[in-house]
Each structure stands twice: as structure tokens, then as C-alpha cells.
Amino acid sequence: MNQKNLLNVDWSLIPAPTDDGAAEHLVGMTLPAIRLRATDDTVVTLSDLPGRTVIFAYPRTGEPGKVSLVEDWDLIPGARGCTPQACSFRDLFGELKAAGAAHVFGLSTQSNAYQTEMAARLHLPFPVLSDEMLELTHALRLPTMEIAGLTLIKRLAMVVDDARITHVFYPVFPPDRNAGDVLAWLKDNPASTA
């Protein structure tokens, strides 16, 4: 099975990921001082950002008309849905900012060149960060999966306040609802202004 449309997905045909506990350690961690290349041609050190930051991570986005990384991609729990997740954050970007997110970033282990094409194609109003060298992934011990010889981040979202992880959404399913869940949490948990 390989659903060809990257955005209109029948989630009833996609296996949901289970909570394997791989993100339980993240809340309370301080982000390390690691520099990541962004799709807006900047280098971002997440630990230097003041205020509230939302980071959503995903395995990898697909390209329209291209073959999936592996034939059974849709059958891997948590693999399918990177484009719908990114587009949901795009569509709710203004509301996320209004709810207190000073910064919003996507994050994957794909190359910056690949991400830059995707960000332009999807008209993303926020930068996507490349952790191609797995520096942040290893430093935070983010949940990962190995597919076709590649280490991919399992889908999650983090709320970070002044470099400290405050809340983690994991596992995320269906991916296109993740931004709405993050928005609801931000509204219910305003950032401290102290």
C-alpha cells in the first residue's frame, strides 16, 4: 500500500505509533548549544532563543511523484504524515504565535537542501532545521527509527521555554492534528512572563 497523495491521507489505513516511552526523559531537559542550519539560510542555536519555542520533529517529508524511501513506508507506524504535519503547523502558524510561541521550527535529519525545497514548495512561514549530522538527536536522545540505512526522528513536538523542554507530544497521530493539539496546550498553559 502506498497512498500517492501527500496531503489527503486515509488515516484509518495507516498504523498508529504506540508510546514506547522513548520521549519520557525529555521534559525538564535543557537544550544543548548545537548549531543547526535552517531553511531561511540562517544557523540557529535553539538553546540561545529566549521565550517559548515550538519544535515539531518528523522522519522525512516526501516529494510529489517520487517513490517512498521504502515500499512499505505507509505500513511503518509513525512514518507517514510528515507533509500533513508540516502543513498543519503552516496553517496554524499565526494562531501559534498569538498563543505565545515566539518561535516555531520543523526538525528532521534530512539535508538542508532537501528541506529548503520542501519549505518553499509548501510555503512554510517558519524555518525547518536540519539535524543531518544527528547532533541534536543524539544529545537529547530523541526517539529514532532506522529505515533504509538512515536514522530518522520519530514524530514528536516539544514546547521549550528559555531552552528548557516544558512539554512533549509523543507519539503523534494523526500527524495533521498535531499543530491543533499544540495550539490547545499553549492556550491552556500560557508562558510565564516572569
N, C-alpha and C. Protein backbone atom coordinates (compact mmCIF):
# COMPACT_ATOMS: atom_id res chain seq x y z
N MET A 1 0.84 -1.18 0.00
CA MET A 1 0.00 0.00 0.00
C MET A 1 0.88 1.24 0.00
N ASN A 2 0.56 2.17 -0.88
CA ASN A 2 1.28 3.43 -0.89
C ASN A 2 0.30 4.50 -1.35
N GLN A 3 -0.23 5.29 -0.41
CA GLN A 3 -1.17 6.34 -0.75
C GLN A 3 -0.39 7.44 -1.45
N LYS A 4 -0.76 7.75 -2.66
CA LYS A 4 0.04 8.64 -3.50
C LYS A 4 -0.03 10.09 -3.09
N ASN A 5 -1.18 10.55 -2.57
CA ASN A 5 -1.32 11.95 -2.23
C ASN A 5 -0.64 12.23 -0.89
N LEU A 6 0.24 13.22 -0.84
CA LEU A 6 0.98 13.52 0.38
C LEU A 6 0.12 14.20 1.44
N LEU A 7 -0.98 14.84 1.03
CA LEU A 7 -1.79 15.60 1.99
C LEU A 7 -3.09 14.90 2.39
N ASN A 8 -3.80 14.34 1.44
CA ASN A 8 -5.08 13.70 1.74
C ASN A 8 -4.86 12.22 2.04
N VAL A 9 -4.71 11.93 3.32
CA VAL A 9 -4.37 10.58 3.75
C VAL A 9 -5.55 9.97 4.49
N ASP A 10 -5.86 8.73 4.20
CA ASP A 10 -6.87 7.99 4.94
C ASP A 10 -6.17 7.37 6.15
N TRP A 11 -6.27 8.05 7.30
CA TRP A 11 -5.54 7.61 8.49
C TRP A 11 -6.01 6.27 9.02
N SER A 12 -7.20 5.82 8.63
CA SER A 12 -7.68 4.51 9.08
C SER A 12 -6.88 3.38 8.45
N LEU A 13 -6.15 3.67 7.37
CA LEU A 13 -5.34 2.66 6.71
C LEU A 13 -3.88 2.69 7.16
N ILE A 14 -3.55 3.64 8.03
CA ILE A 14 -2.17 3.83 8.47
C ILE A 14 -2.04 3.36 9.92
N PRO A 15 -1.07 2.49 10.22
CA PRO A 15 -0.91 2.05 11.61
C PRO A 15 -0.41 3.18 12.51
N ALA A 16 -1.07 3.32 13.66
CA ALA A 16 -0.70 4.36 14.62
C ALA A 16 0.52 3.91 15.42
N PRO A 17 1.42 4.84 15.71
CA PRO A 17 2.56 4.50 16.58
C PRO A 17 2.08 4.32 18.02
N THR A 18 2.81 3.54 18.78
CA THR A 18 2.49 3.35 20.19
C THR A 18 3.51 4.10 21.03
N ASP A 19 3.14 4.40 22.26
CA ASP A 19 4.06 5.09 23.15
C ASP A 19 5.06 4.09 23.70
N ASP A 20 6.28 4.14 23.19
CA ASP A 20 7.33 3.22 23.60
C ASP A 20 8.17 3.78 24.74
N GLY A 21 7.76 4.93 25.28
CA GLY A 21 8.49 5.54 26.39
C GLY A 21 9.77 6.25 26.00
N ALA A 22 10.06 6.32 24.70
CA ALA A 22 11.34 6.87 24.25
C ALA A 22 11.46 8.38 24.39
N ALA A 23 10.37 9.07 24.79
CA ALA A 23 10.43 10.52 24.96
C ALA A 23 10.20 10.94 26.41
N GLU A 24 10.05 9.97 27.30
CA GLU A 24 9.71 10.29 28.69
C GLU A 24 10.78 11.13 29.38
N HIS A 25 12.03 11.00 28.98
CA HIS A 25 13.13 11.72 29.63
C HIS A 25 13.25 13.18 29.21
N LEU A 26 12.53 13.60 28.19
CA LEU A 26 12.76 14.92 27.59
C LEU A 26 12.27 16.09 28.43
N VAL A 27 11.12 15.96 29.09
CA VAL A 27 10.59 17.09 29.86
C VAL A 27 11.57 17.45 30.97
N GLY A 28 11.93 18.72 31.03
CA GLY A 28 12.87 19.20 32.02
C GLY A 28 14.30 19.31 31.51
N MET A 29 14.60 18.70 30.37
CA MET A 29 15.95 18.79 29.82
C MET A 29 16.22 20.19 29.27
N THR A 30 17.46 20.60 29.35
CA THR A 30 17.90 21.87 28.76
C THR A 30 18.50 21.56 27.40
N LEU A 31 18.13 22.37 26.42
CA LEU A 31 18.65 22.16 25.07
C LEU A 31 20.15 22.44 25.05
N PRO A 32 20.91 21.60 24.35
CA PRO A 32 22.35 21.84 24.23
C PRO A 32 22.64 22.95 23.22
N ALA A 33 23.81 23.53 23.31
CA ALA A 33 24.22 24.60 22.41
C ALA A 33 24.74 24.00 21.11
N ILE A 34 23.81 23.59 20.27
CA ILE A 34 24.14 22.98 18.99
C ILE A 34 23.59 23.88 17.88
N ARG A 35 24.43 24.15 16.89
CA ARG A 35 24.05 25.00 15.76
C ARG A 35 23.47 24.13 14.64
N LEU A 36 22.28 24.53 14.17
CA LEU A 36 21.61 23.79 13.10
C LEU A 36 21.31 24.72 11.93
N ARG A 37 21.55 24.25 10.72
CA ARG A 37 21.26 25.01 9.51
C ARG A 37 19.74 25.03 9.30
N ALA A 38 19.21 26.22 8.96
CA ALA A 38 17.78 26.41 8.75
C ALA A 38 17.48 26.72 7.29
N THR A 39 16.24 26.49 6.91
CA THR A 39 15.82 26.71 5.53
C THR A 39 15.75 28.17 5.15
N ASP A 40 15.84 29.08 6.12
CA ASP A 40 15.87 30.52 5.78
C ASP A 40 17.31 31.02 5.66
N ASP A 41 18.24 30.07 5.47
CA ASP A 41 19.66 30.36 5.26
C ASP A 41 20.33 31.00 6.47
N THR A 42 19.86 30.61 7.66
CA THR A 42 20.50 31.04 8.90
C THR A 42 21.00 29.80 9.62
N VAL A 43 21.76 30.04 10.68
CA VAL A 43 22.17 28.97 11.58
C VAL A 43 21.52 29.28 12.92
N VAL A 44 20.81 28.30 13.47
CA VAL A 44 20.03 28.50 14.69
C VAL A 44 20.63 27.67 15.82
N THR A 45 20.81 28.31 16.97
CA THR A 45 21.17 27.62 18.20
C THR A 45 19.94 27.72 19.10
N LEU A 46 19.16 26.65 19.16
CA LEU A 46 17.89 26.67 19.88
C LEU A 46 18.06 27.07 21.34
N SER A 47 19.18 26.69 21.96
CA SER A 47 19.40 27.00 23.37
C SER A 47 19.58 28.49 23.62
N ASP A 48 19.85 29.27 22.58
CA ASP A 48 20.04 30.72 22.72
C ASP A 48 18.73 31.51 22.60
N LEU A 49 17.64 30.84 22.22
CA LEU A 49 16.39 31.56 21.95
C LEU A 49 15.63 31.84 23.24
N PRO A 50 15.32 33.10 23.49
CA PRO A 50 14.53 33.43 24.67
C PRO A 50 13.04 33.15 24.41
N GLY A 51 12.30 32.98 25.49
CA GLY A 51 10.87 32.80 25.36
C GLY A 51 10.47 31.39 25.00
N ARG A 52 9.28 31.27 24.45
CA ARG A 52 8.69 29.96 24.14
C ARG A 52 8.93 29.59 22.68
N THR A 53 9.40 28.38 22.50
CA THR A 53 9.68 27.85 21.16
C THR A 53 8.93 26.54 20.99
N VAL A 54 8.34 26.35 19.82
CA VAL A 54 7.70 25.08 19.46
C VAL A 54 8.55 24.44 18.38
N ILE A 55 8.92 23.17 18.61
CA ILE A 55 9.70 22.40 17.64
C ILE A 55 8.93 21.13 17.35
N PHE A 56 8.60 20.92 16.10
CA PHE A 56 7.98 19.64 15.74
C PHE A 56 8.96 18.87 14.87
N ALA A 57 9.15 17.62 15.23
CA ALA A 57 10.12 16.77 14.52
C ALA A 57 9.37 15.67 13.78
N TYR A 58 9.95 15.25 12.67
CA TYR A 58 9.31 14.24 11.84
C TYR A 58 10.38 13.42 11.12
N PRO A 59 10.01 12.21 10.66
CA PRO A 59 11.01 11.36 9.99
C PRO A 59 11.56 11.97 8.71
N ARG A 60 10.71 12.26 7.73
CA ARG A 60 11.15 12.87 6.48
C ARG A 60 9.93 13.17 5.63
N THR A 61 9.98 14.28 4.92
CA THR A 61 8.89 14.62 4.02
C THR A 61 9.11 13.94 2.68
N GLY A 62 8.03 13.64 2.03
CA GLY A 62 8.10 13.04 0.70
C GLY A 62 8.12 14.10 -0.38
N GLU A 63 8.38 13.65 -1.59
CA GLU A 63 8.35 14.54 -2.74
C GLU A 63 7.24 14.05 -3.67
N PRO A 64 6.37 14.96 -4.12
CA PRO A 64 5.29 14.55 -5.02
C PRO A 64 5.84 13.83 -6.24
N GLY A 65 5.24 12.71 -6.56
CA GLY A 65 5.64 11.96 -7.75
C GLY A 65 6.86 11.10 -7.58
N LYS A 66 7.48 11.11 -6.41
CA LYS A 66 8.68 10.30 -6.16
C LYS A 66 8.31 9.06 -5.36
N VAL A 67 9.10 8.04 -5.51
CA VAL A 67 8.90 6.78 -4.79
C VAL A 67 9.28 6.99 -3.33
N SER A 68 8.54 6.33 -2.42
CA SER A 68 8.87 6.41 -0.99
C SER A 68 10.25 5.82 -0.73
N LEU A 69 10.80 6.16 0.43
CA LEU A 69 12.11 5.66 0.84
C LEU A 69 12.16 4.14 0.78
N VAL A 70 11.09 3.52 1.26
CA VAL A 70 10.92 2.07 1.16
C VAL A 70 9.49 1.80 0.72
N GLU A 71 9.27 0.66 0.09
CA GLU A 71 7.96 0.36 -0.48
C GLU A 71 6.85 0.31 0.57
N ASP A 72 7.17 -0.18 1.76
CA ASP A 72 6.14 -0.32 2.80
C ASP A 72 6.13 0.87 3.78
N TRP A 73 6.57 2.05 3.33
CA TRP A 73 6.64 3.24 4.17
C TRP A 73 5.33 3.48 4.94
N ASP A 74 4.19 3.38 4.23
CA ASP A 74 2.90 3.64 4.86
C ASP A 74 2.57 2.65 5.97
N LEU A 75 3.20 1.49 5.99
CA LEU A 75 2.90 0.47 6.99
C LEU A 75 3.80 0.56 8.22
N ILE A 76 4.75 1.48 8.20
CA ILE A 76 5.64 1.68 9.35
C ILE A 76 4.93 2.64 10.30
N PRO A 77 4.59 2.20 11.52
CA PRO A 77 3.88 3.09 12.44
C PRO A 77 4.65 4.40 12.67
N GLY A 78 3.96 5.51 12.40
CA GLY A 78 4.56 6.83 12.62
C GLY A 78 5.33 7.39 11.46
N ALA A 79 5.52 6.63 10.39
CA ALA A 79 6.32 7.12 9.27
C ALA A 79 5.52 8.09 8.40
N ARG A 80 4.33 7.72 8.02
CA ARG A 80 3.52 8.50 7.09
C ARG A 80 2.96 9.75 7.76
N GLY A 81 3.00 10.88 7.07
CA GLY A 81 2.29 12.07 7.54
C GLY A 81 3.13 13.30 7.79
N CYS A 82 4.37 13.31 7.30
CA CYS A 82 5.25 14.45 7.56
C CYS A 82 4.76 15.72 6.86
N THR A 83 4.31 15.59 5.63
CA THR A 83 3.81 16.75 4.91
C THR A 83 2.52 17.27 5.54
N PRO A 84 1.54 16.41 5.88
CA PRO A 84 0.36 16.93 6.57
C PRO A 84 0.69 17.60 7.90
N GLN A 85 1.67 17.07 8.64
CA GLN A 85 2.05 17.67 9.90
C GLN A 85 2.64 19.07 9.66
N ALA A 86 3.58 19.18 8.72
CA ALA A 86 4.19 20.48 8.42
C ALA A 86 3.14 21.48 7.94
N CYS A 87 2.20 21.03 7.12
CA CYS A 87 1.16 21.94 6.61
C CYS A 87 0.21 22.37 7.71
N SER A 88 -0.03 21.51 8.69
CA SER A 88 -0.91 21.92 9.79
C SER A 88 -0.24 23.01 10.63
N PHE A 89 1.07 22.91 10.82
CA PHE A 89 1.78 23.98 11.53
C PHE A 89 1.79 25.25 10.69
N ARG A 90 1.91 25.11 9.38
CA ARG A 90 1.83 26.28 8.48
C ARG A 90 0.48 26.96 8.63
N ASP A 91 -0.58 26.16 8.58
CA ASP A 91 -1.93 26.72 8.60
C ASP A 91 -2.29 27.37 9.93
N LEU A 92 -1.70 26.91 11.02
CA LEU A 92 -1.99 27.45 12.35
C LEU A 92 -0.87 28.35 12.87
N PHE A 93 0.08 28.68 12.01
CA PHE A 93 1.25 29.45 12.44
C PHE A 93 0.87 30.74 13.16
N GLY A 94 -0.02 31.53 12.58
CA GLY A 94 -0.42 32.80 13.19
C GLY A 94 -1.05 32.58 14.56
N GLU A 95 -1.87 31.55 14.69
CA GLU A 95 -2.52 31.26 15.96
C GLU A 95 -1.51 30.76 17.00
N LEU A 96 -0.53 29.97 16.57
CA LEU A 96 0.51 29.51 17.49
C LEU A 96 1.30 30.71 18.03
N LYS A 97 1.62 31.66 17.14
CA LYS A 97 2.34 32.86 17.57
C LYS A 97 1.48 33.67 18.54
N ALA A 98 0.20 33.83 18.21
CA ALA A 98 -0.71 34.58 19.08
C ALA A 98 -0.87 33.91 20.44
N ALA A 99 -0.71 32.60 20.49
CA ALA A 99 -0.84 31.85 21.75
C ALA A 99 0.47 31.80 22.54
N GLY A 100 1.48 32.52 22.07
CA GLY A 100 2.70 32.64 22.86
C GLY A 100 3.95 32.00 22.31
N ALA A 101 3.88 31.35 21.15
CA ALA A 101 5.08 30.75 20.57
C ALA A 101 5.91 31.85 19.90
N ALA A 102 7.02 32.21 20.52
CA ALA A 102 7.89 33.23 19.93
C ALA A 102 8.56 32.70 18.67
N HIS A 103 8.80 31.37 18.65
CA HIS A 103 9.47 30.72 17.52
C HIS A 103 8.79 29.39 17.25
N VAL A 104 8.72 29.02 15.96
CA VAL A 104 8.23 27.71 15.54
C VAL A 104 9.25 27.16 14.55
N PHE A 105 9.63 25.89 14.74
CA PHE A 105 10.57 25.24 13.84
C PHE A 105 10.12 23.83 13.53
N GLY A 106 10.36 23.39 12.31
CA GLY A 106 10.32 21.98 11.97
C GLY A 106 11.72 21.43 12.15
N LEU A 107 11.83 20.11 12.31
CA LEU A 107 13.14 19.48 12.52
C LEU A 107 13.13 18.08 11.93
N SER A 108 14.13 17.77 11.14
CA SER A 108 14.31 16.40 10.66
C SER A 108 15.80 16.15 10.40
N THR A 109 16.12 14.93 10.06
CA THR A 109 17.50 14.59 9.75
C THR A 109 17.79 14.69 8.26
N GLN A 110 16.85 15.22 7.50
CA GLN A 110 17.09 15.43 6.07
C GLN A 110 18.05 16.59 5.86
N SER A 111 18.67 16.62 4.70
CA SER A 111 19.64 17.68 4.39
C SER A 111 18.94 19.03 4.28
N ASN A 112 19.70 20.09 4.51
CA ASN A 112 19.16 21.43 4.39
C ASN A 112 18.68 21.70 2.97
N ALA A 113 19.39 21.22 1.97
CA ALA A 113 18.98 21.44 0.57
C ALA A 113 17.62 20.80 0.31
N TYR A 114 17.41 19.59 0.79
CA TYR A 114 16.13 18.92 0.61
C TYR A 114 15.03 19.69 1.34
N GLN A 115 15.32 20.08 2.59
CA GLN A 115 14.31 20.80 3.38
C GLN A 115 13.97 22.15 2.77
N THR A 116 14.96 22.83 2.21
CA THR A 116 14.72 24.15 1.63
C THR A 116 13.76 24.05 0.46
N GLU A 117 13.93 23.03 -0.38
CA GLU A 117 12.99 22.82 -1.50
C GLU A 117 11.59 22.57 -0.95
N MET A 118 11.48 21.69 0.06
CA MET A 118 10.19 21.35 0.64
C MET A 118 9.53 22.58 1.27
N ALA A 119 10.29 23.37 2.03
CA ALA A 119 9.74 24.55 2.70
C ALA A 119 9.20 25.55 1.68
N ALA A 120 9.91 25.71 0.57
CA ALA A 120 9.45 26.62 -0.49
C ALA A 120 8.20 26.06 -1.16
N ARG A 121 8.20 24.77 -1.46
CA ARG A 121 7.05 24.14 -2.14
C ARG A 121 5.80 24.21 -1.30
N LEU A 122 5.94 24.04 0.02
CA LEU A 122 4.79 24.04 0.92
C LEU A 122 4.48 25.43 1.49
N HIS A 123 5.28 26.42 1.13
CA HIS A 123 5.09 27.81 1.59
C HIS A 123 5.08 27.89 3.12
N LEU A 124 6.07 27.28 3.74
CA LEU A 124 6.14 27.29 5.20
C LEU A 124 6.60 28.67 5.70
N PRO A 125 5.89 29.25 6.67
CA PRO A 125 6.27 30.57 7.19
C PRO A 125 7.30 30.50 8.31
N PHE A 126 7.81 29.34 8.60
CA PHE A 126 8.79 29.13 9.67
C PHE A 126 9.94 28.32 9.10
N PRO A 127 11.12 28.42 9.71
CA PRO A 127 12.27 27.64 9.24
C PRO A 127 12.17 26.17 9.64
N VAL A 128 12.76 25.33 8.84
CA VAL A 128 12.92 23.92 9.17
C VAL A 128 14.42 23.70 9.40
N LEU A 129 14.74 23.01 10.47
CA LEU A 129 16.13 22.79 10.87
C LEU A 129 16.60 21.42 10.43
N SER A 130 17.83 21.36 9.96
CA SER A 130 18.43 20.09 9.55
C SER A 130 19.36 19.58 10.63
N ASP A 131 19.06 18.38 11.13
CA ASP A 131 19.96 17.70 12.06
C ASP A 131 20.58 16.50 11.33
N GLU A 132 21.07 16.78 10.13
CA GLU A 132 21.62 15.73 9.27
C GLU A 132 22.77 14.98 9.93
N MET A 133 23.52 15.67 10.78
CA MET A 133 24.65 15.03 11.47
C MET A 133 24.23 14.38 12.79
N LEU A 134 22.94 14.45 13.12
CA LEU A 134 22.35 13.80 14.30
C LEU A 134 22.89 14.35 15.63
N GLU A 135 23.43 15.56 15.61
CA GLU A 135 23.98 16.13 16.84
C GLU A 135 22.91 16.37 17.90
N LEU A 136 21.83 17.07 17.54
CA LEU A 136 20.76 17.32 18.50
C LEU A 136 20.03 16.03 18.84
N THR A 137 19.81 15.21 17.83
CA THR A 137 19.12 13.93 18.04
C THR A 137 19.84 13.09 19.09
N HIS A 138 21.15 12.98 18.98
CA HIS A 138 21.91 12.19 19.96
C HIS A 138 22.01 12.90 21.30
N ALA A 139 22.22 14.22 21.30
CA ALA A 139 22.38 14.95 22.56
C ALA A 139 21.12 14.87 23.42
N LEU A 140 19.95 14.93 22.79
CA LEU A 140 18.69 14.85 23.53
C LEU A 140 18.17 13.42 23.65
N ARG A 141 18.83 12.50 22.96
CA ARG A 141 18.36 11.11 22.89
C ARG A 141 16.90 11.06 22.39
N LEU A 142 16.68 11.78 21.29
CA LEU A 142 15.35 11.79 20.68
C LEU A 142 15.00 10.39 20.20
N PRO A 143 13.71 10.03 20.24
CA PRO A 143 13.33 8.73 19.72
C PRO A 143 13.57 8.66 18.21
N THR A 144 14.18 7.58 17.76
CA THR A 144 14.51 7.44 16.34
C THR A 144 14.07 6.08 15.81
N MET A 145 14.10 5.97 14.50
CA MET A 145 13.89 4.69 13.82
C MET A 145 14.91 4.59 12.70
N GLU A 146 15.31 3.38 12.43
CA GLU A 146 16.29 3.12 11.36
C GLU A 146 15.53 2.55 10.17
N ILE A 147 15.62 3.25 9.04
CA ILE A 147 14.93 2.81 7.82
C ILE A 147 15.87 3.01 6.64
N ALA A 148 16.05 1.97 5.86
CA ALA A 148 16.89 2.03 4.66
C ALA A 148 18.28 2.59 4.96
N GLY A 149 18.81 2.23 6.10
CA GLY A 149 20.15 2.68 6.47
C GLY A 149 20.22 4.10 7.00
N LEU A 150 19.08 4.75 7.19
CA LEU A 150 19.04 6.12 7.68
C LEU A 150 18.46 6.17 9.09
N THR A 151 18.97 7.08 9.90
CA THR A 151 18.39 7.33 11.23
C THR A 151 17.42 8.48 11.09
N LEU A 152 16.16 8.22 11.40
CA LEU A 152 15.09 9.22 11.28
C LEU A 152 14.49 9.48 12.65
N ILE A 153 14.14 10.73 12.92
CA ILE A 153 13.49 11.09 14.18
C ILE A 153 12.04 10.64 14.13
N LYS A 154 11.59 9.99 15.20
CA LYS A 154 10.17 9.66 15.30
C LYS A 154 9.40 10.96 15.52
N ARG A 155 8.19 10.98 15.04
CA ARG A 155 7.37 12.19 15.08
C ARG A 155 7.06 12.60 16.53
N LEU A 156 7.37 13.87 16.83
CA LEU A 156 7.05 14.42 18.14
C LEU A 156 7.00 15.93 18.04
N ALA A 157 6.52 16.57 19.08
CA ALA A 157 6.56 18.03 19.16
C ALA A 157 6.97 18.39 20.58
N MET A 158 7.76 19.45 20.70
CA MET A 158 8.24 19.90 22.00
C MET A 158 7.92 21.39 22.18
N VAL A 159 7.52 21.73 23.39
CA VAL A 159 7.40 23.13 23.78
C VAL A 159 8.60 23.42 24.67
N VAL A 160 9.34 24.46 24.32
CA VAL A 160 10.57 24.81 25.02
C VAL A 160 10.44 26.23 25.55
N ASP A 161 10.70 26.41 26.84
CA ASP A 161 10.68 27.74 27.45
C ASP A 161 12.09 28.09 27.91
N ASP A 162 12.66 29.13 27.29
CA ASP A 162 14.01 29.58 27.63
C ASP A 162 14.99 28.41 27.69
N ALA A 163 15.00 27.61 26.63
CA ALA A 163 15.93 26.49 26.42
C ALA A 163 15.61 25.25 27.24
N ARG A 164 14.54 25.25 28.01
CA ARG A 164 14.17 24.08 28.81
C ARG A 164 12.89 23.46 28.26
N ILE A 165 12.90 22.16 28.02
CA ILE A 165 11.73 21.47 27.46
C ILE A 165 10.65 21.38 28.53
N THR A 166 9.50 21.98 28.21
CA THR A 166 8.38 22.08 29.14
C THR A 166 7.35 20.98 28.91
N HIS A 167 7.11 20.64 27.64
CA HIS A 167 6.07 19.66 27.31
C HIS A 167 6.46 18.93 26.02
N VAL A 168 6.10 17.66 25.95
CA VAL A 168 6.39 16.85 24.76
C VAL A 168 5.10 16.15 24.31
N PHE A 169 4.84 16.20 23.03
CA PHE A 169 3.74 15.46 22.42
C PHE A 169 4.36 14.25 21.73
N TYR A 170 4.06 13.05 22.26
CA TYR A 170 4.65 11.82 21.71
C TYR A 170 3.88 10.63 22.25
N PRO A 171 3.50 9.69 21.43
CA PRO A 171 3.59 9.72 19.96
C PRO A 171 2.56 10.69 19.39
N VAL A 172 2.74 11.04 18.14
CA VAL A 172 1.84 11.95 17.45
C VAL A 172 1.08 11.17 16.39
N PHE A 173 -0.26 11.17 16.50
CA PHE A 173 -1.09 10.52 15.48
C PHE A 173 -2.53 10.98 15.66
N PRO A 174 -3.21 11.32 14.58
CA PRO A 174 -2.67 11.52 13.24
C PRO A 174 -1.86 12.81 13.17
N PRO A 175 -0.88 12.82 12.31
CA PRO A 175 0.05 13.95 12.24
C PRO A 175 -0.60 15.29 11.91
N ASP A 176 -1.66 15.28 11.12
CA ASP A 176 -2.28 16.55 10.71
C ASP A 176 -3.03 17.23 11.85
N ARG A 177 -3.16 16.57 12.99
CA ARG A 177 -3.82 17.18 14.16
C ARG A 177 -2.81 17.70 15.18
N ASN A 178 -1.53 17.46 14.96
CA ASN A 178 -0.50 17.81 15.92
C ASN A 178 -0.48 19.31 16.23
N ALA A 179 -0.53 20.15 15.21
CA ALA A 179 -0.48 21.60 15.43
C ALA A 179 -1.67 22.06 16.25
N GLY A 180 -2.84 21.49 15.99
CA GLY A 180 -4.03 21.84 16.76
C GLY A 180 -3.89 21.44 18.22
N ASP A 181 -3.30 20.28 18.47
CA ASP A 181 -3.06 19.83 19.85
C ASP A 181 -2.06 20.75 20.55
N VAL A 182 -1.01 21.14 19.85
CA VAL A 182 -0.02 22.05 20.41
C VAL A 182 -0.67 23.40 20.71
N LEU A 183 -1.48 23.90 19.79
CA LEU A 183 -2.17 25.18 19.99
C LEU A 183 -3.06 25.13 21.22
N ALA A 184 -3.83 24.06 21.37
CA ALA A 184 -4.71 23.94 22.54
C ALA A 184 -3.88 23.94 23.82
N TRP A 185 -2.74 23.24 23.81
CA TRP A 185 -1.89 23.20 25.01
C TRP A 185 -1.33 24.59 25.31
N LEU A 186 -0.89 25.31 24.29
CA LEU A 186 -0.34 26.66 24.50
C LEU A 186 -1.39 27.58 25.12
N LYS A 187 -2.63 27.47 24.65
CA LYS A 187 -3.71 28.30 25.19
C LYS A 187 -4.00 27.95 26.64
N ASP A 188 -3.91 26.67 26.98
CA ASP A 188 -4.19 26.23 28.35
C ASP A 188 -3.01 26.44 29.29
N ASN A 189 -1.82 26.66 28.74
CA ASN A 189 -0.60 26.79 29.54
C ASN A 189 0.21 28.00 29.08
N PRO A 190 -0.27 29.20 29.38
CA PRO A 190 0.45 30.39 28.92
C PRO A 190 1.88 30.43 29.48
N ALA A 191 2.77 30.97 28.68
CA ALA A 191 4.17 31.09 29.09
C ALA A 191 4.28 32.06 30.24
N SER A 192 5.19 31.76 31.13
CA SER A 192 5.44 32.65 32.27
C SER A 192 6.10 33.93 31.76
N THR A 193 5.68 35.05 32.29
CA THR A 193 6.26 36.32 31.87
C THR A 193 7.21 36.86 32.93
N ALA A 194 7.52 36.01 33.90
CA ALA A 194 8.40 36.46 34.99
C ALA A 194 9.83 36.58 34.53
